[in-house]
N, C-alpha and C. Protein backbone atom coordinates (compact mmCIF):
# COMPACT_ATOMS: atom_id res chain seq x y z
N MET A 1 -8.42 94.24 88.60
CA MET A 1 -7.76 95.49 89.03
C MET A 1 -8.57 96.11 90.16
N THR A 2 -7.92 96.43 91.24
CA THR A 2 -8.62 97.00 92.39
C THR A 2 -8.59 98.53 92.32
N PHE A 3 -9.42 99.15 93.15
CA PHE A 3 -9.48 100.60 93.20
C PHE A 3 -8.52 101.12 94.25
N GLY A 4 -7.87 102.25 93.93
CA GLY A 4 -7.00 102.88 94.90
C GLY A 4 -7.71 103.94 95.71
N ARG A 5 -8.71 104.58 95.10
CA ARG A 5 -9.46 105.64 95.75
C ARG A 5 -10.95 105.50 95.42
N GLU A 6 -11.77 106.01 96.34
CA GLU A 6 -13.22 105.88 96.16
C GLU A 6 -13.71 106.57 94.89
N HIS A 7 -13.13 107.72 94.56
CA HIS A 7 -13.63 108.48 93.42
C HIS A 7 -13.44 107.73 92.10
N GLU A 8 -12.58 106.70 92.10
CA GLU A 8 -12.38 105.91 90.89
C GLU A 8 -13.63 105.08 90.56
N MET A 9 -14.52 104.90 91.54
CA MET A 9 -15.77 104.17 91.28
C MET A 9 -16.86 105.08 90.73
N ALA A 10 -16.61 106.38 90.71
CA ALA A 10 -17.66 107.34 90.34
C ALA A 10 -18.12 107.16 88.89
N LEU A 11 -17.20 106.90 87.97
CA LEU A 11 -17.57 106.79 86.56
C LEU A 11 -18.52 105.61 86.30
N PRO A 12 -18.18 104.38 86.71
CA PRO A 12 -19.14 103.29 86.47
C PRO A 12 -20.47 103.46 87.20
N VAL A 13 -20.43 104.04 88.41
CA VAL A 13 -21.69 104.24 89.15
C VAL A 13 -22.54 105.31 88.45
N GLY A 14 -21.92 106.42 88.06
CA GLY A 14 -22.65 107.47 87.36
C GLY A 14 -23.23 106.98 86.04
N ASN A 15 -22.46 106.18 85.31
CA ASN A 15 -22.95 105.63 84.04
C ASN A 15 -24.13 104.69 84.26
N TRP A 16 -24.07 103.90 85.33
CA TRP A 16 -25.17 102.99 85.65
C TRP A 16 -26.45 103.76 85.93
N LEU A 17 -26.35 104.83 86.69
CA LEU A 17 -27.53 105.65 86.98
C LEU A 17 -28.10 106.28 85.71
N ARG A 18 -27.23 106.79 84.86
CA ARG A 18 -27.70 107.44 83.63
C ARG A 18 -28.31 106.44 82.66
N ARG A 19 -27.82 105.22 82.65
CA ARG A 19 -28.41 104.20 81.78
C ARG A 19 -29.85 103.90 82.16
N HIS A 20 -30.20 104.20 83.40
CA HIS A 20 -31.57 104.02 83.85
C HIS A 20 -32.42 105.28 83.61
N GLY A 21 -31.90 106.19 82.80
CA GLY A 21 -32.65 107.37 82.41
C GLY A 21 -32.80 108.40 83.51
N MET A 22 -31.82 108.47 84.41
CA MET A 22 -31.95 109.37 85.56
C MET A 22 -31.03 110.58 85.41
N GLN A 23 -31.48 111.71 85.97
CA GLN A 23 -30.61 112.86 86.12
C GLN A 23 -29.74 112.63 87.35
N VAL A 24 -28.47 112.95 87.26
CA VAL A 24 -27.51 112.57 88.30
C VAL A 24 -26.77 113.79 88.82
N LYS A 25 -26.62 113.87 90.14
CA LYS A 25 -25.81 114.91 90.77
C LYS A 25 -24.84 114.25 91.76
N PRO A 26 -23.54 114.51 91.62
CA PRO A 26 -22.57 114.02 92.61
C PRO A 26 -22.45 115.00 93.77
N GLU A 27 -21.92 114.50 94.89
CA GLU A 27 -21.65 115.32 96.08
C GLU A 27 -22.87 116.18 96.42
N PHE A 28 -23.95 115.51 96.70
CA PHE A 28 -25.25 116.13 96.93
C PHE A 28 -25.41 116.43 98.41
N ALA A 29 -25.61 117.70 98.76
CA ALA A 29 -25.73 118.11 100.16
C ALA A 29 -27.08 117.70 100.73
N VAL A 30 -27.03 117.04 101.88
CA VAL A 30 -28.23 116.67 102.64
C VAL A 30 -28.04 117.19 104.07
N PRO A 31 -29.10 117.26 104.86
CA PRO A 31 -28.96 117.86 106.20
C PRO A 31 -27.90 117.20 107.09
N TRP A 32 -27.56 115.93 106.83
CA TRP A 32 -26.60 115.24 107.70
C TRP A 32 -25.23 115.07 107.05
N GLY A 33 -25.01 115.71 105.90
CA GLY A 33 -23.69 115.61 105.28
C GLY A 33 -23.77 115.69 103.76
N ILE A 34 -22.88 114.95 103.10
CA ILE A 34 -22.81 114.92 101.64
C ILE A 34 -23.03 113.49 101.18
N CYS A 35 -23.98 113.32 100.26
CA CYS A 35 -24.21 112.02 99.64
C CYS A 35 -23.42 111.99 98.32
N ASP A 36 -22.71 110.90 98.07
CA ASP A 36 -21.82 110.84 96.90
C ASP A 36 -22.59 111.00 95.60
N PHE A 37 -23.73 110.34 95.47
CA PHE A 37 -24.56 110.49 94.28
C PHE A 37 -26.03 110.49 94.67
N VAL A 38 -26.79 111.40 94.06
CA VAL A 38 -28.24 111.34 94.11
C VAL A 38 -28.72 111.44 92.67
N ALA A 39 -29.66 110.56 92.31
CA ALA A 39 -30.21 110.55 90.96
C ALA A 39 -31.73 110.53 91.04
N VAL A 40 -32.36 111.21 90.10
CA VAL A 40 -33.82 111.35 90.11
C VAL A 40 -34.38 111.03 88.74
N SER A 41 -35.49 110.31 88.73
CA SER A 41 -36.28 110.08 87.53
C SER A 41 -37.61 110.81 87.70
N LEU A 42 -37.90 111.75 86.81
CA LEU A 42 -39.12 112.53 86.90
C LEU A 42 -40.27 111.86 86.13
N ASN A 43 -41.48 112.07 86.62
CA ASN A 43 -42.67 111.54 85.98
C ASN A 43 -43.09 112.51 84.87
N ALA A 44 -43.03 112.06 83.62
CA ALA A 44 -43.26 112.95 82.48
C ALA A 44 -44.67 113.53 82.49
N THR A 45 -45.67 112.75 82.88
CA THR A 45 -47.05 113.24 82.91
C THR A 45 -47.20 114.35 83.94
N LYS A 46 -46.59 114.17 85.10
CA LYS A 46 -46.69 115.18 86.15
C LYS A 46 -45.87 116.42 85.80
N VAL A 47 -44.77 116.23 85.09
CA VAL A 47 -43.99 117.38 84.63
C VAL A 47 -44.85 118.25 83.70
N ARG A 48 -45.56 117.60 82.78
CA ARG A 48 -46.43 118.37 81.87
C ARG A 48 -47.52 119.10 82.64
N LYS A 49 -48.07 118.43 83.65
CA LYS A 49 -49.10 119.06 84.47
C LYS A 49 -48.56 120.31 85.15
N ARG A 50 -47.37 120.21 85.68
CA ARG A 50 -46.76 121.37 86.35
C ARG A 50 -46.52 122.51 85.37
N LEU A 51 -46.02 122.18 84.20
CA LEU A 51 -45.75 123.21 83.21
C LEU A 51 -47.03 123.88 82.74
N GLU A 52 -48.14 123.14 82.74
CA GLU A 52 -49.43 123.73 82.37
C GLU A 52 -49.82 124.85 83.34
N PHE A 53 -49.37 124.73 84.59
CA PHE A 53 -49.64 125.78 85.57
C PHE A 53 -48.69 126.98 85.38
N GLY A 54 -47.71 126.84 84.50
CA GLY A 54 -46.72 127.90 84.32
C GLY A 54 -45.68 127.93 85.41
N GLN A 55 -45.52 126.80 86.13
CA GLN A 55 -44.58 126.72 87.25
C GLN A 55 -43.20 126.29 86.72
N ILE A 56 -42.53 127.20 86.05
CA ILE A 56 -41.29 126.86 85.37
C ILE A 56 -40.07 126.97 86.28
N ASN A 57 -40.19 127.69 87.38
CA ASN A 57 -39.06 127.85 88.30
C ASN A 57 -39.05 126.74 89.35
N ALA A 58 -37.87 126.48 89.88
CA ALA A 58 -37.79 125.59 91.04
C ALA A 58 -38.41 126.29 92.24
N ILE A 59 -38.95 125.52 93.17
CA ILE A 59 -39.61 126.12 94.33
C ILE A 59 -38.62 126.92 95.16
N GLY A 60 -37.44 126.34 95.40
CA GLY A 60 -36.43 127.08 96.15
C GLY A 60 -35.98 126.37 97.40
N PRO A 61 -35.52 127.11 98.41
CA PRO A 61 -34.91 126.52 99.60
C PRO A 61 -35.87 125.63 100.39
N LEU A 62 -35.30 124.85 101.29
CA LEU A 62 -36.08 123.88 102.06
C LEU A 62 -37.21 124.54 102.84
N TRP A 63 -36.95 125.71 103.43
CA TRP A 63 -37.99 126.36 104.23
C TRP A 63 -39.17 126.81 103.36
N ARG A 64 -38.92 127.17 102.10
CA ARG A 64 -40.00 127.55 101.20
C ARG A 64 -40.80 126.32 100.79
N VAL A 65 -40.10 125.22 100.57
CA VAL A 65 -40.78 123.95 100.27
C VAL A 65 -41.67 123.55 101.44
N SER A 66 -41.15 123.68 102.66
CA SER A 66 -41.92 123.33 103.85
C SER A 66 -43.16 124.21 103.97
N LEU A 67 -43.02 125.49 103.69
CA LEU A 67 -44.15 126.41 103.74
C LEU A 67 -45.24 125.98 102.75
N LEU A 68 -44.80 125.64 101.55
CA LEU A 68 -45.74 125.22 100.51
C LEU A 68 -46.49 123.96 100.92
N GLN A 69 -45.80 123.05 101.59
CA GLN A 69 -46.41 121.79 101.99
C GLN A 69 -47.55 121.98 102.99
N HIS A 70 -47.55 123.08 103.71
CA HIS A 70 -48.60 123.35 104.70
C HIS A 70 -49.84 124.00 104.09
N ILE A 71 -49.78 124.35 102.81
CA ILE A 71 -50.90 125.03 102.16
C ILE A 71 -51.77 124.01 101.45
N PRO A 72 -53.07 123.99 101.69
CA PRO A 72 -53.96 123.00 101.05
C PRO A 72 -54.01 123.16 99.54
N ASP A 73 -54.21 122.04 98.84
CA ASP A 73 -54.40 122.08 97.39
C ASP A 73 -55.73 122.75 97.04
N LYS A 74 -55.74 123.48 95.95
CA LYS A 74 -56.96 124.13 95.47
C LYS A 74 -58.07 123.09 95.24
N GLU A 75 -57.69 121.90 94.72
CA GLU A 75 -58.67 120.87 94.39
C GLU A 75 -59.45 120.38 95.61
N THR A 76 -58.89 120.55 96.81
CA THR A 76 -59.59 120.09 98.01
C THR A 76 -60.70 121.05 98.43
N GLY A 77 -60.67 122.27 97.90
CA GLY A 77 -61.64 123.27 98.31
C GLY A 77 -61.30 123.95 99.62
N ARG A 78 -60.22 123.51 100.26
CA ARG A 78 -59.81 124.12 101.52
C ARG A 78 -58.78 125.20 101.28
N SER A 79 -58.53 126.02 102.29
CA SER A 79 -57.53 127.07 102.21
C SER A 79 -57.00 127.33 103.61
N ILE A 80 -56.00 128.20 103.71
CA ILE A 80 -55.42 128.53 105.00
C ILE A 80 -55.09 130.02 105.01
N THR A 81 -55.26 130.64 106.15
CA THR A 81 -54.91 132.06 106.27
C THR A 81 -53.41 132.19 106.53
N GLN A 82 -52.89 133.35 106.23
CA GLN A 82 -51.46 133.57 106.45
C GLN A 82 -51.12 133.50 107.94
N SER A 83 -52.00 134.02 108.78
CA SER A 83 -51.71 134.00 110.22
C SER A 83 -51.66 132.57 110.75
N LYS A 84 -52.55 131.70 110.26
CA LYS A 84 -52.52 130.30 110.70
C LYS A 84 -51.27 129.61 110.18
N LEU A 85 -50.89 129.94 108.96
CA LEU A 85 -49.67 129.37 108.38
C LEU A 85 -48.45 129.77 109.19
N GLU A 86 -48.42 131.01 109.63
CA GLU A 86 -47.30 131.49 110.46
C GLU A 86 -47.22 130.71 111.77
N ARG A 87 -48.38 130.43 112.37
CA ARG A 87 -48.39 129.69 113.63
C ARG A 87 -47.92 128.25 113.41
N LEU A 88 -48.36 127.63 112.30
CA LEU A 88 -47.97 126.25 112.02
C LEU A 88 -46.46 126.13 111.79
N CYS A 89 -45.91 127.10 111.09
CA CYS A 89 -44.50 127.03 110.72
C CYS A 89 -43.59 127.69 111.75
N GLY A 90 -44.17 128.45 112.68
CA GLY A 90 -43.36 129.13 113.68
C GLY A 90 -42.45 130.19 113.10
N ALA A 91 -42.92 130.84 112.03
CA ALA A 91 -42.12 131.86 111.35
C ALA A 91 -42.71 133.24 111.57
N PRO A 92 -41.88 134.28 111.62
CA PRO A 92 -42.39 135.65 111.79
C PRO A 92 -43.13 136.12 110.55
N PRO A 93 -44.09 137.04 110.71
CA PRO A 93 -44.92 137.49 109.58
C PRO A 93 -44.11 138.04 108.40
N GLU A 94 -43.04 138.81 108.71
CA GLU A 94 -42.28 139.41 107.61
C GLU A 94 -41.58 138.35 106.77
N PHE A 95 -41.12 137.26 107.43
CA PHE A 95 -40.47 136.18 106.70
C PHE A 95 -41.49 135.42 105.86
N THR A 96 -42.61 135.04 106.48
CA THR A 96 -43.64 134.29 105.78
C THR A 96 -44.19 135.09 104.61
N GLY A 97 -44.43 136.37 104.82
CA GLY A 97 -44.97 137.22 103.76
C GLY A 97 -44.05 137.26 102.55
N LYS A 98 -42.75 137.39 102.79
CA LYS A 98 -41.78 137.45 101.69
C LYS A 98 -41.77 136.14 100.91
N GLU A 99 -41.78 135.02 101.64
CA GLU A 99 -41.74 133.71 100.98
C GLU A 99 -43.03 133.46 100.20
N LEU A 100 -44.16 133.88 100.77
CA LEU A 100 -45.43 133.69 100.08
C LEU A 100 -45.49 134.49 98.79
N GLU A 101 -44.98 135.69 98.81
CA GLU A 101 -45.00 136.51 97.60
C GLU A 101 -44.18 135.85 96.49
N LYS A 102 -43.09 135.19 96.87
CA LYS A 102 -42.29 134.47 95.88
C LYS A 102 -43.07 133.28 95.33
N LEU A 103 -43.75 132.54 96.19
CA LEU A 103 -44.53 131.39 95.75
C LEU A 103 -45.70 131.82 94.87
N ILE A 104 -46.30 132.96 95.19
CA ILE A 104 -47.39 133.47 94.37
C ILE A 104 -46.87 133.93 93.01
N ALA A 105 -45.75 134.63 93.00
CA ALA A 105 -45.17 135.12 91.75
C ALA A 105 -44.79 133.96 90.83
N ASP A 106 -44.36 132.85 91.41
CA ASP A 106 -43.97 131.68 90.63
C ASP A 106 -45.14 130.73 90.36
N ARG A 107 -46.34 131.15 90.74
CA ARG A 107 -47.60 130.46 90.42
C ARG A 107 -47.80 129.14 91.16
N PHE A 108 -47.16 128.99 92.29
CA PHE A 108 -47.39 127.80 93.10
C PHE A 108 -48.56 128.00 94.07
N VAL A 109 -48.86 129.27 94.38
CA VAL A 109 -49.88 129.59 95.38
C VAL A 109 -50.77 130.71 94.83
N ARG A 110 -52.05 130.65 95.19
CA ARG A 110 -52.99 131.71 94.83
C ARG A 110 -53.70 132.20 96.08
N ARG A 111 -54.15 133.46 96.03
CA ARG A 111 -54.99 134.00 97.09
C ARG A 111 -56.45 133.91 96.65
N THR A 112 -57.28 133.48 97.56
CA THR A 112 -58.72 133.40 97.26
C THR A 112 -59.34 134.78 97.39
N ALA A 113 -60.64 134.86 97.10
CA ALA A 113 -61.35 136.14 97.23
C ALA A 113 -61.34 136.64 98.67
N ARG A 114 -61.22 135.70 99.64
CA ARG A 114 -61.15 136.08 101.05
C ARG A 114 -59.70 136.23 101.53
N LEU A 115 -58.76 136.20 100.58
CA LEU A 115 -57.34 136.41 100.84
C LEU A 115 -56.68 135.26 101.61
N SER A 116 -57.33 134.12 101.69
CA SER A 116 -56.66 132.93 102.22
C SER A 116 -55.86 132.29 101.08
N LEU A 117 -55.14 131.23 101.39
CA LEU A 117 -54.14 130.69 100.47
C LEU A 117 -54.46 129.27 100.03
N GLN A 118 -54.22 129.00 98.75
CA GLN A 118 -54.36 127.65 98.20
C GLN A 118 -53.16 127.33 97.31
N LYS A 119 -52.84 126.06 97.26
CA LYS A 119 -51.71 125.59 96.45
C LYS A 119 -52.23 125.08 95.10
N LEU A 120 -51.56 125.46 94.01
CA LEU A 120 -51.87 124.95 92.68
C LEU A 120 -50.97 123.74 92.44
N ASN A 121 -51.57 122.56 92.51
CA ASN A 121 -50.75 121.35 92.53
C ASN A 121 -51.28 120.37 91.48
N GLY A 122 -51.57 119.16 91.88
CA GLY A 122 -52.00 118.13 90.94
C GLY A 122 -50.85 117.34 90.36
N TRP A 123 -49.61 117.67 90.75
CA TRP A 123 -48.45 116.96 90.19
C TRP A 123 -47.55 116.34 91.25
N PHE A 124 -47.76 116.66 92.51
CA PHE A 124 -46.86 116.13 93.55
C PHE A 124 -47.27 114.70 93.91
N PRO A 125 -46.31 113.77 94.08
CA PRO A 125 -44.87 113.96 93.93
C PRO A 125 -44.45 113.92 92.46
N LEU A 126 -43.42 114.64 92.14
CA LEU A 126 -42.97 114.81 90.76
C LEU A 126 -42.08 113.66 90.29
N HIS A 127 -41.59 112.88 91.20
CA HIS A 127 -40.60 111.85 90.85
C HIS A 127 -41.22 110.46 90.73
N ASN A 128 -40.53 109.62 89.95
CA ASN A 128 -40.78 108.19 89.98
C ASN A 128 -39.81 107.50 90.93
N ARG A 129 -38.54 107.92 90.88
CA ARG A 129 -37.50 107.31 91.71
C ARG A 129 -36.55 108.38 92.20
N ILE A 130 -36.03 108.19 93.40
CA ILE A 130 -34.90 108.97 93.91
C ILE A 130 -33.90 107.94 94.44
N VAL A 131 -32.73 107.89 93.83
CA VAL A 131 -31.72 106.91 94.20
C VAL A 131 -30.53 107.62 94.83
N ALA A 132 -30.13 107.16 96.01
CA ALA A 132 -28.95 107.69 96.70
C ALA A 132 -27.88 106.60 96.75
N VAL A 133 -26.63 107.00 96.49
CA VAL A 133 -25.52 106.04 96.49
C VAL A 133 -24.35 106.61 97.27
N GLU A 134 -23.83 105.81 98.19
CA GLU A 134 -22.60 106.15 98.92
C GLU A 134 -21.47 105.25 98.43
N LEU A 135 -20.35 105.86 98.05
CA LEU A 135 -19.18 105.11 97.59
C LEU A 135 -18.27 104.81 98.77
N LYS A 136 -17.81 103.56 98.87
CA LYS A 136 -16.89 103.22 99.96
C LYS A 136 -15.96 102.09 99.54
N LEU A 137 -14.67 102.24 99.86
CA LEU A 137 -13.71 101.16 99.67
C LEU A 137 -13.57 100.35 100.95
N SER A 138 -13.70 101.01 102.08
CA SER A 138 -13.59 100.36 103.39
C SER A 138 -14.57 101.05 104.33
N ARG A 139 -14.47 100.79 105.63
CA ARG A 139 -15.38 101.39 106.61
C ARG A 139 -16.84 101.21 106.16
N VAL A 140 -17.17 99.98 105.83
CA VAL A 140 -18.50 99.67 105.32
C VAL A 140 -19.59 100.01 106.33
N SER A 141 -19.28 99.88 107.62
CA SER A 141 -20.28 100.23 108.64
C SER A 141 -20.66 101.70 108.57
N ASP A 142 -19.67 102.56 108.30
CA ASP A 142 -19.96 103.98 108.14
C ASP A 142 -20.86 104.22 106.94
N ALA A 143 -20.56 103.52 105.85
CA ALA A 143 -21.37 103.67 104.63
C ALA A 143 -22.80 103.21 104.87
N LEU A 144 -22.97 102.12 105.62
CA LEU A 144 -24.32 101.63 105.92
C LEU A 144 -25.09 102.64 106.75
N ALA A 145 -24.43 103.28 107.70
CA ALA A 145 -25.10 104.29 108.52
C ALA A 145 -25.53 105.48 107.67
N GLN A 146 -24.65 105.92 106.76
CA GLN A 146 -24.99 107.03 105.88
C GLN A 146 -26.15 106.67 104.95
N ALA A 147 -26.07 105.47 104.38
CA ALA A 147 -27.11 105.03 103.45
C ALA A 147 -28.45 104.87 104.17
N SER A 148 -28.41 104.46 105.43
CA SER A 148 -29.65 104.35 106.21
C SER A 148 -30.29 105.72 106.40
N CYS A 149 -29.47 106.73 106.67
CA CYS A 149 -30.00 108.10 106.80
C CYS A 149 -30.61 108.58 105.48
N ASN A 150 -30.02 108.17 104.37
CA ASN A 150 -30.50 108.63 103.06
C ASN A 150 -31.89 108.11 102.74
N ARG A 151 -32.35 107.10 103.46
CA ARG A 151 -33.71 106.60 103.23
C ARG A 151 -34.76 107.64 103.63
N ALA A 152 -34.34 108.70 104.32
CA ALA A 152 -35.28 109.76 104.67
C ALA A 152 -35.80 110.49 103.44
N PHE A 153 -35.06 110.42 102.31
CA PHE A 153 -35.53 111.07 101.10
C PHE A 153 -35.49 110.15 99.88
N ALA A 154 -34.66 109.14 99.89
CA ALA A 154 -34.50 108.29 98.71
C ALA A 154 -35.52 107.16 98.68
N THR A 155 -36.00 106.84 97.48
CA THR A 155 -36.84 105.66 97.34
C THR A 155 -35.99 104.40 97.29
N GLU A 156 -34.70 104.55 96.93
CA GLU A 156 -33.75 103.44 96.93
C GLU A 156 -32.41 103.96 97.41
N SER A 157 -31.85 103.31 98.41
CA SER A 157 -30.57 103.74 98.96
C SER A 157 -29.57 102.59 98.85
N PHE A 158 -28.39 102.90 98.28
CA PHE A 158 -27.35 101.90 98.06
C PHE A 158 -26.02 102.34 98.67
N ILE A 159 -25.15 101.37 98.92
CA ILE A 159 -23.72 101.64 98.99
C ILE A 159 -23.10 100.99 97.77
N ALA A 160 -22.08 101.63 97.22
CA ALA A 160 -21.34 101.08 96.09
C ALA A 160 -19.94 100.72 96.57
N ILE A 161 -19.57 99.47 96.42
CA ILE A 161 -18.28 98.96 96.88
C ILE A 161 -17.69 98.05 95.81
N PRO A 162 -16.38 97.82 95.84
CA PRO A 162 -15.80 96.89 94.87
C PRO A 162 -16.50 95.54 94.90
N THR A 163 -16.62 94.92 93.74
CA THR A 163 -17.38 93.67 93.63
C THR A 163 -16.87 92.59 94.57
N GLU A 164 -15.56 92.49 94.72
CA GLU A 164 -15.03 91.44 95.60
C GLU A 164 -15.42 91.68 97.06
N THR A 165 -15.48 92.94 97.46
CA THR A 165 -15.93 93.27 98.81
C THR A 165 -17.40 92.94 98.99
N ALA A 166 -18.19 93.25 97.96
CA ALA A 166 -19.62 92.95 98.00
C ALA A 166 -19.86 91.45 98.15
N LEU A 167 -19.09 90.65 97.43
CA LEU A 167 -19.26 89.20 97.52
C LEU A 167 -18.95 88.68 98.92
N ARG A 168 -17.95 89.26 99.56
CA ARG A 168 -17.61 88.83 100.93
C ARG A 168 -18.74 89.18 101.90
N ILE A 169 -19.29 90.37 101.75
CA ILE A 169 -20.38 90.79 102.64
C ILE A 169 -21.61 89.91 102.44
N LEU A 170 -21.95 89.65 101.19
CA LEU A 170 -23.17 88.91 100.90
C LEU A 170 -23.08 87.44 101.30
N SER A 171 -21.88 86.94 101.44
CA SER A 171 -21.72 85.54 101.84
C SER A 171 -21.49 85.40 103.35
N GLY A 172 -21.54 86.52 104.07
CA GLY A 172 -21.26 86.48 105.51
C GLY A 172 -22.41 87.02 106.33
N PRO A 173 -22.20 87.14 107.63
CA PRO A 173 -23.28 87.57 108.54
C PRO A 173 -23.68 89.03 108.37
N ARG A 174 -22.81 89.87 107.76
CA ARG A 174 -23.15 91.29 107.63
C ARG A 174 -24.25 91.53 106.59
N ARG A 175 -24.52 90.54 105.78
CA ARG A 175 -25.62 90.68 104.81
C ARG A 175 -26.91 91.06 105.53
N ALA A 176 -27.16 90.45 106.69
CA ALA A 176 -28.39 90.70 107.43
C ALA A 176 -28.50 92.16 107.85
N ASP A 177 -27.37 92.81 108.12
CA ASP A 177 -27.40 94.22 108.51
C ASP A 177 -27.99 95.08 107.38
N PHE A 178 -27.61 94.76 106.15
CA PHE A 178 -28.11 95.51 105.00
C PHE A 178 -29.58 95.20 104.73
N VAL A 179 -29.93 93.93 104.84
CA VAL A 179 -31.32 93.54 104.64
C VAL A 179 -32.22 94.23 105.66
N ASN A 180 -31.80 94.21 106.92
CA ASN A 180 -32.60 94.82 107.98
C ASN A 180 -32.70 96.33 107.84
N ALA A 181 -31.64 96.95 107.30
CA ALA A 181 -31.64 98.41 107.12
C ALA A 181 -32.36 98.83 105.84
N GLY A 182 -32.66 97.87 104.96
CA GLY A 182 -33.31 98.20 103.69
C GLY A 182 -32.38 98.86 102.70
N VAL A 183 -31.07 98.67 102.87
CA VAL A 183 -30.05 99.30 102.01
C VAL A 183 -29.52 98.28 101.01
N GLY A 184 -29.42 98.69 99.76
CA GLY A 184 -28.91 97.81 98.72
C GLY A 184 -27.40 97.92 98.55
N ILE A 185 -26.84 96.98 97.79
CA ILE A 185 -25.40 96.96 97.53
C ILE A 185 -25.17 96.93 96.02
N LEU A 186 -24.32 97.84 95.55
CA LEU A 186 -23.85 97.84 94.18
C LEU A 186 -22.43 97.32 94.14
N GLY A 187 -22.17 96.31 93.32
CA GLY A 187 -20.81 95.83 93.11
C GLY A 187 -20.20 96.56 91.94
N VAL A 188 -19.01 97.11 92.13
CA VAL A 188 -18.39 97.98 91.11
C VAL A 188 -17.06 97.40 90.66
N THR A 189 -16.86 97.38 89.34
CA THR A 189 -15.55 97.09 88.75
C THR A 189 -15.12 98.34 87.99
N GLN A 190 -13.99 98.26 87.32
CA GLN A 190 -13.50 99.41 86.57
C GLN A 190 -14.44 99.80 85.44
N THR A 191 -15.22 98.85 84.94
CA THR A 191 -16.02 99.11 83.75
C THR A 191 -17.52 98.98 83.95
N ARG A 192 -17.96 98.46 85.10
CA ARG A 192 -19.39 98.26 85.25
C ARG A 192 -19.83 98.37 86.70
N CYS A 193 -21.14 98.45 86.86
CA CYS A 193 -21.76 98.55 88.17
C CYS A 193 -22.99 97.64 88.13
N LYS A 194 -23.18 96.82 89.16
CA LYS A 194 -24.26 95.83 89.15
C LYS A 194 -24.93 95.78 90.51
N VAL A 195 -26.27 95.66 90.51
CA VAL A 195 -27.01 95.48 91.76
C VAL A 195 -26.76 94.07 92.27
N MET A 196 -26.18 93.97 93.46
CA MET A 196 -25.90 92.67 94.05
C MET A 196 -26.84 92.38 95.22
N LEU A 197 -27.44 93.42 95.77
CA LEU A 197 -28.49 93.26 96.78
C LEU A 197 -29.47 94.40 96.57
N LYS A 198 -30.73 94.06 96.31
CA LYS A 198 -31.75 95.09 96.10
C LYS A 198 -32.13 95.73 97.43
N PRO A 199 -32.33 97.05 97.42
CA PRO A 199 -32.80 97.71 98.65
C PRO A 199 -34.26 97.37 98.90
N SER A 200 -34.65 97.45 100.14
CA SER A 200 -36.02 97.16 100.52
C SER A 200 -36.73 98.44 100.95
N ALA A 201 -38.03 98.51 100.65
CA ALA A 201 -38.83 99.64 101.11
C ALA A 201 -39.45 99.37 102.47
N ARG A 202 -39.11 98.24 103.07
CA ARG A 202 -39.71 97.86 104.35
C ARG A 202 -39.33 98.88 105.43
N GLY A 203 -40.36 99.39 106.09
CA GLY A 203 -40.13 100.31 107.19
C GLY A 203 -39.69 101.70 106.79
N ILE A 204 -39.68 101.98 105.48
CA ILE A 204 -39.21 103.29 105.04
C ILE A 204 -40.21 104.37 105.44
N GLN A 205 -39.71 105.49 105.92
CA GLN A 205 -40.54 106.62 106.32
C GLN A 205 -39.93 107.89 105.73
N ALA A 206 -40.01 107.97 104.42
CA ALA A 206 -39.43 109.13 103.74
C ALA A 206 -40.20 110.40 104.10
N ASP A 207 -39.46 111.48 104.23
CA ASP A 207 -40.03 112.79 104.54
C ASP A 207 -40.44 113.45 103.23
N PRO A 208 -41.75 113.67 102.98
CA PRO A 208 -42.18 114.23 101.70
C PRO A 208 -41.62 115.63 101.44
N THR A 209 -41.42 116.41 102.49
CA THR A 209 -40.85 117.76 102.30
C THR A 209 -39.40 117.65 101.84
N LEU A 210 -38.65 116.74 102.46
CA LEU A 210 -37.26 116.55 102.06
C LEU A 210 -37.17 115.97 100.66
N GLN A 211 -38.09 115.07 100.33
CA GLN A 211 -38.11 114.51 98.97
C GLN A 211 -38.38 115.60 97.94
N MET A 212 -39.37 116.46 98.21
CA MET A 212 -39.68 117.54 97.28
C MET A 212 -38.49 118.48 97.11
N HIS A 213 -37.85 118.81 98.22
CA HIS A 213 -36.69 119.69 98.14
C HIS A 213 -35.58 119.07 97.31
N CYS A 214 -35.37 117.78 97.48
CA CYS A 214 -34.36 117.07 96.70
C CYS A 214 -34.69 117.14 95.21
N VAL A 215 -35.92 116.82 94.85
CA VAL A 215 -36.32 116.80 93.45
C VAL A 215 -36.24 118.20 92.83
N GLU A 216 -36.58 119.22 93.62
CA GLU A 216 -36.54 120.58 93.10
C GLU A 216 -35.14 120.99 92.67
N ARG A 217 -34.14 120.40 93.28
CA ARG A 217 -32.76 120.74 92.91
C ARG A 217 -32.37 120.14 91.57
N PHE A 218 -33.23 119.29 91.03
CA PHE A 218 -33.01 118.73 89.70
C PHE A 218 -33.87 119.43 88.64
N TRP A 219 -34.79 120.28 89.09
CA TRP A 219 -35.75 120.86 88.16
C TRP A 219 -35.10 121.88 87.24
N ARG A 220 -35.18 121.60 85.97
CA ARG A 220 -34.76 122.54 84.94
C ARG A 220 -35.78 122.46 83.82
N THR A 221 -36.32 123.58 83.39
CA THR A 221 -37.36 123.56 82.37
C THR A 221 -36.86 122.90 81.10
N LYS A 222 -35.63 123.18 80.68
CA LYS A 222 -35.13 122.64 79.42
C LYS A 222 -34.99 121.13 79.47
N ASP A 223 -34.70 120.58 80.69
CA ASP A 223 -34.60 119.12 80.82
C ASP A 223 -35.99 118.53 81.04
N SER A 224 -36.78 119.18 81.91
CA SER A 224 -38.05 118.60 82.33
C SER A 224 -39.07 118.57 81.20
N SER A 225 -38.95 119.50 80.26
CA SER A 225 -39.94 119.54 79.18
C SER A 225 -39.86 118.33 78.29
N THR A 226 -38.78 117.55 78.40
CA THR A 226 -38.65 116.33 77.64
C THR A 226 -39.12 115.15 78.46
């Protein structure tokens, strides 16, 4: 039985991700559009470490995550002044001050005796895996382009297509396009989803700020505490 619409593949793909113990979000917004599925597996040891700091809230928007990334970890013994942080981020003092107060209130940042800033960390990165999946019935080249962009934050990026389409691609010259892009292929039927080409980490240059922002959108104390 073939698929009439892309969304008909969502159930087997979502079930496959959940069977791997991942938290799953459909229609996940990224800077270049919408990814059909993003799934995250959190590191339980690092989750406990974060909770020990009392950091129960999500960090928040991308710009706040970026601000936090510029602040040295307390463990390094280094710190940064607010004025230097403003210059690095190119943000006005009133904006930076407001964001810093939120990070301090949520226990991600502390002020030293000299009023410089340090990050309370020891748990980053929080994830084991970040998997991105694009569903496509046709226009496979478009799906490959989208999945290639998703490598900016995903540790594994796939396109999910009907199994018969996957078999045609894998037996033809277009297979090399996926191998070279480091993008995997999931073959989907009405009842199951199977990895037919594993994604490669070759040449991947994931953005740690974007990865953190992605993972933060999955952070929930009630889920993470397990």
